[in-house]
Amino acid sequence: FMARMAIRNAFFFGSGKFSQMLIPWATFTSPEIAHVGLYESDAKRKGIKYSLYTKQFDDVDRAILDGEDSTKGFVKIMCKGSTDEIIGATIVGDHAGDMISEISVAIQNKVKLGQIANVIHPYPTQGEAIRQAGDLFNKTKLTPTVKKLLRGIIKLR
């Protein structure tokens, strides 16, 4: 990636830059660990307020189907303040290295966590945990009045 940008800048008079925040990494251990963006400690040090949305794999159908070892892990997405602007993510568990790319693309293209929740993900896959983390954010936007209305509608069924 960096070499491509250097060539583009040198030969095509570009002025492209990259952000350290957009460079994902993965460690292919058992369990896999992957990260992109800021860490919680970075946000604290920089005085950035943040919210965390964590989805455990033991709530993800694919992980349950794959067996006990696959249910160990989580997707943790950090958003700026009380917004759904993604500023970092850590994934621990099976396929973490594969899954982190979705978050990298979201940060690069300013796709919000709530928007990810509205994207249909293949089912059942581990990646469903990312969408479910988006659902956690969307639930924070329900006002008490809307919650009450939804409960009433559900009771009618």
Protein backbone atom coordinates (compact mmCIF):
# COMPACT_ATOMS: atom_id res chain seq x y z
CA PHE A 1 0.00 0.00 0.00
CA MET A 2 2.66 2.50 1.00
CA ALA A 3 4.83 1.60 -2.00
CA ARG A 4 1.88 2.16 -4.35
CA MET A 5 1.27 5.57 -2.85
CA ALA A 6 4.95 6.50 -3.11
CA ILE A 7 5.03 5.50 -6.79
CA ARG A 8 1.79 7.33 -7.52
CA ASN A 9 3.11 10.47 -5.80
CA ALA A 10 6.53 10.27 -7.51
CA PHE A 11 5.50 9.46 -11.07
CA PHE A 12 2.04 10.96 -11.31
CA PHE A 13 2.62 14.13 -9.29
CA GLY A 14 0.25 12.99 -6.59
CA SER A 15 0.06 14.25 -3.08
CA GLY A 16 -1.54 11.20 -1.49
CA LYS A 17 -1.11 10.62 2.22
CA PHE A 18 -2.07 7.81 4.50
CA SER A 19 -3.11 7.80 8.09
CA GLN A 20 -1.63 5.47 10.67
CA MET A 21 -5.23 5.11 11.85
CA LEU A 22 -6.11 3.23 8.66
CA ILE A 23 -3.43 0.55 8.84
CA PRO A 24 -4.98 -2.63 10.21
CA TRP A 25 -2.95 -5.40 11.75
CA ALA A 26 -3.68 -9.00 12.59
CA THR A 27 -1.89 -11.63 14.63
CA PHE A 28 -2.69 -15.12 13.47
CA THR A 29 -2.56 -16.82 16.82
CA SER A 30 -5.25 -18.85 18.49
CA PRO A 31 -7.40 -16.86 18.93
CA GLU A 32 -6.64 -14.38 16.15
CA ILE A 33 -6.34 -10.73 17.16
CA ALA A 34 -6.93 -7.84 14.76
CA HIS A 35 -7.09 -4.08 15.22
CA VAL A 36 -7.49 -0.87 13.24
CA GLY A 37 -7.68 2.76 14.35
CA LEU A 38 -7.24 4.18 17.80
CA TYR A 39 -6.85 2.19 20.97
CA GLU A 40 -8.79 3.15 24.08
CA SER A 41 -5.54 4.31 25.69
CA ASP A 42 -4.86 6.58 22.67
CA ALA A 43 -8.31 8.14 22.93
CA LYS A 44 -7.90 8.71 26.68
CA ARG A 45 -4.44 10.25 26.22
CA LYS A 46 -5.75 12.57 23.48
CA GLY A 47 -8.82 13.53 25.51
CA ILE A 48 -11.21 12.04 22.94
CA LYS A 49 -14.52 10.96 24.39
CA TYR A 50 -15.68 7.62 23.06
CA SER A 51 -18.30 4.91 23.33
CA LEU A 52 -17.67 1.18 23.02
CA TYR A 53 -19.95 -1.35 21.36
CA THR A 54 -18.91 -4.92 22.12
CA LYS A 55 -20.45 -8.08 20.73
CA GLN A 56 -19.32 -11.39 22.20
CA PHE A 57 -19.02 -14.31 19.78
CA ASP A 58 -21.03 -16.54 22.11
CA ASP A 59 -24.07 -14.60 20.83
CA VAL A 60 -23.16 -15.16 17.14
CA ASP A 61 -24.87 -18.12 15.47
CA ARG A 62 -21.88 -19.07 13.28
CA ALA A 63 -19.56 -19.19 16.27
CA ILE A 64 -22.06 -21.38 18.12
CA LEU A 65 -22.29 -23.72 15.11
CA ASP A 66 -18.49 -23.92 14.81
CA GLY A 67 -18.12 -25.09 18.40
CA GLU A 68 -17.02 -23.98 21.82
CA ASP A 69 -13.60 -22.60 20.82
CA SER A 70 -15.22 -20.31 18.23
CA THR A 71 -17.47 -18.69 20.81
CA LYS A 72 -14.48 -17.29 22.66
CA GLY A 73 -13.85 -13.76 21.47
CA PHE A 74 -15.51 -10.51 20.61
CA VAL A 75 -15.83 -7.55 18.28
CA LYS A 76 -15.27 -4.21 20.02
CA ILE A 77 -15.90 -1.03 18.04
CA MET A 78 -14.99 2.38 19.40
CA CYS A 79 -16.95 5.41 18.23
CA LYS A 80 -16.30 9.09 18.79
CA GLY A 81 -18.34 10.47 21.68
CA SER A 82 -21.96 9.42 21.47
CA THR A 83 -21.92 9.39 17.65
CA ASP A 84 -21.52 6.37 15.40
CA GLU A 85 -18.29 7.64 13.80
CA ILE A 86 -15.91 4.69 14.06
CA ILE A 87 -12.45 5.60 15.37
CA GLY A 88 -11.12 2.15 16.22
CA ALA A 89 -11.91 -1.54 16.49
CA THR A 90 -10.47 -4.70 17.97
CA ILE A 91 -11.56 -8.20 17.05
CA VAL A 92 -10.44 -11.27 18.97
CA GLY A 93 -11.47 -14.71 17.76
CA ASP A 94 -11.73 -16.96 14.74
CA HIS A 95 -11.40 -15.05 11.44
CA ALA A 96 -10.51 -11.75 13.15
CA GLY A 97 -7.90 -11.04 10.47
CA ASP A 98 -10.52 -11.48 7.76
CA MET A 99 -13.15 -9.42 9.54
CA ILE A 100 -11.11 -6.31 10.35
CA SER A 101 -11.14 -5.19 6.71
CA GLU A 102 -14.82 -4.25 6.92
CA ILE A 103 -13.99 -1.80 9.70
CA SER A 104 -10.97 -0.45 7.81
CA VAL A 105 -13.16 0.28 4.79
CA ALA A 106 -15.76 1.90 7.04
CA ILE A 107 -13.20 4.23 8.66
CA GLN A 108 -11.60 5.09 5.28
CA ASN A 109 -14.96 5.94 3.71
CA LYS A 110 -16.58 7.46 6.79
CA VAL A 111 -19.26 4.77 6.96
CA LYS A 112 -20.97 5.01 10.32
CA LEU A 113 -21.58 2.10 12.68
CA GLY A 114 -25.35 2.58 12.41
CA GLN A 115 -25.05 2.29 8.63
CA ILE A 116 -23.15 -0.99 8.95
CA ALA A 117 -26.08 -2.34 10.98
CA ASN A 118 -28.30 -1.71 7.95
CA VAL A 119 -26.11 -3.76 5.59
CA ILE A 120 -27.19 -7.33 4.95
CA HIS A 121 -24.38 -9.66 5.98
CA PRO A 122 -24.20 -13.30 4.92
CA TYR A 123 -25.77 -15.57 7.51
CA PRO A 124 -24.44 -17.37 9.41
CA THR A 125 -20.94 -15.88 9.45
CA GLN A 126 -18.64 -14.51 12.12
CA GLY A 127 -18.92 -11.13 10.36
CA GLU A 128 -22.49 -10.94 11.60
CA ALA A 129 -20.95 -9.80 14.91
CA ILE A 130 -19.94 -6.50 13.29
CA ARG A 131 -23.50 -5.87 12.15
CA GLN A 132 -24.76 -6.79 15.61
CA ALA A 133 -22.36 -4.24 17.14
CA GLY A 134 -24.05 -1.71 14.87
CA ASP A 135 -27.39 -2.83 16.26
CA LEU A 136 -26.07 -2.07 19.75
CA PHE A 137 -25.40 1.51 18.66
CA ASN A 138 -28.83 1.84 17.04
CA LYS A 139 -30.49 0.68 20.27
CA THR A 140 -28.95 3.65 22.08
CA LYS A 141 -30.94 5.96 19.81
CA LEU A 142 -34.30 4.63 20.96
CA THR A 143 -36.04 7.19 23.13
CA PRO A 144 -38.14 5.99 26.07
CA THR A 145 -41.29 6.89 24.11
CA VAL A 146 -40.24 4.86 21.07
CA LYS A 147 -39.28 1.93 23.31
CA LYS A 148 -42.70 2.05 24.94
CA LEU A 149 -44.44 2.13 21.55
CA LEU A 150 -42.41 -0.82 20.27
CA ARG A 151 -43.19 -2.86 23.37
CA GLY A 152 -46.88 -2.13 22.86
CA ILE A 153 -46.73 -3.24 19.22
CA ILE A 154 -44.93 -6.45 20.18
CA LYS A 155 -47.57 -7.23 22.83
CA LEU A 156 -50.30 -6.89 20.21
CA ARG A 157 -48.79 -9.67 18.14
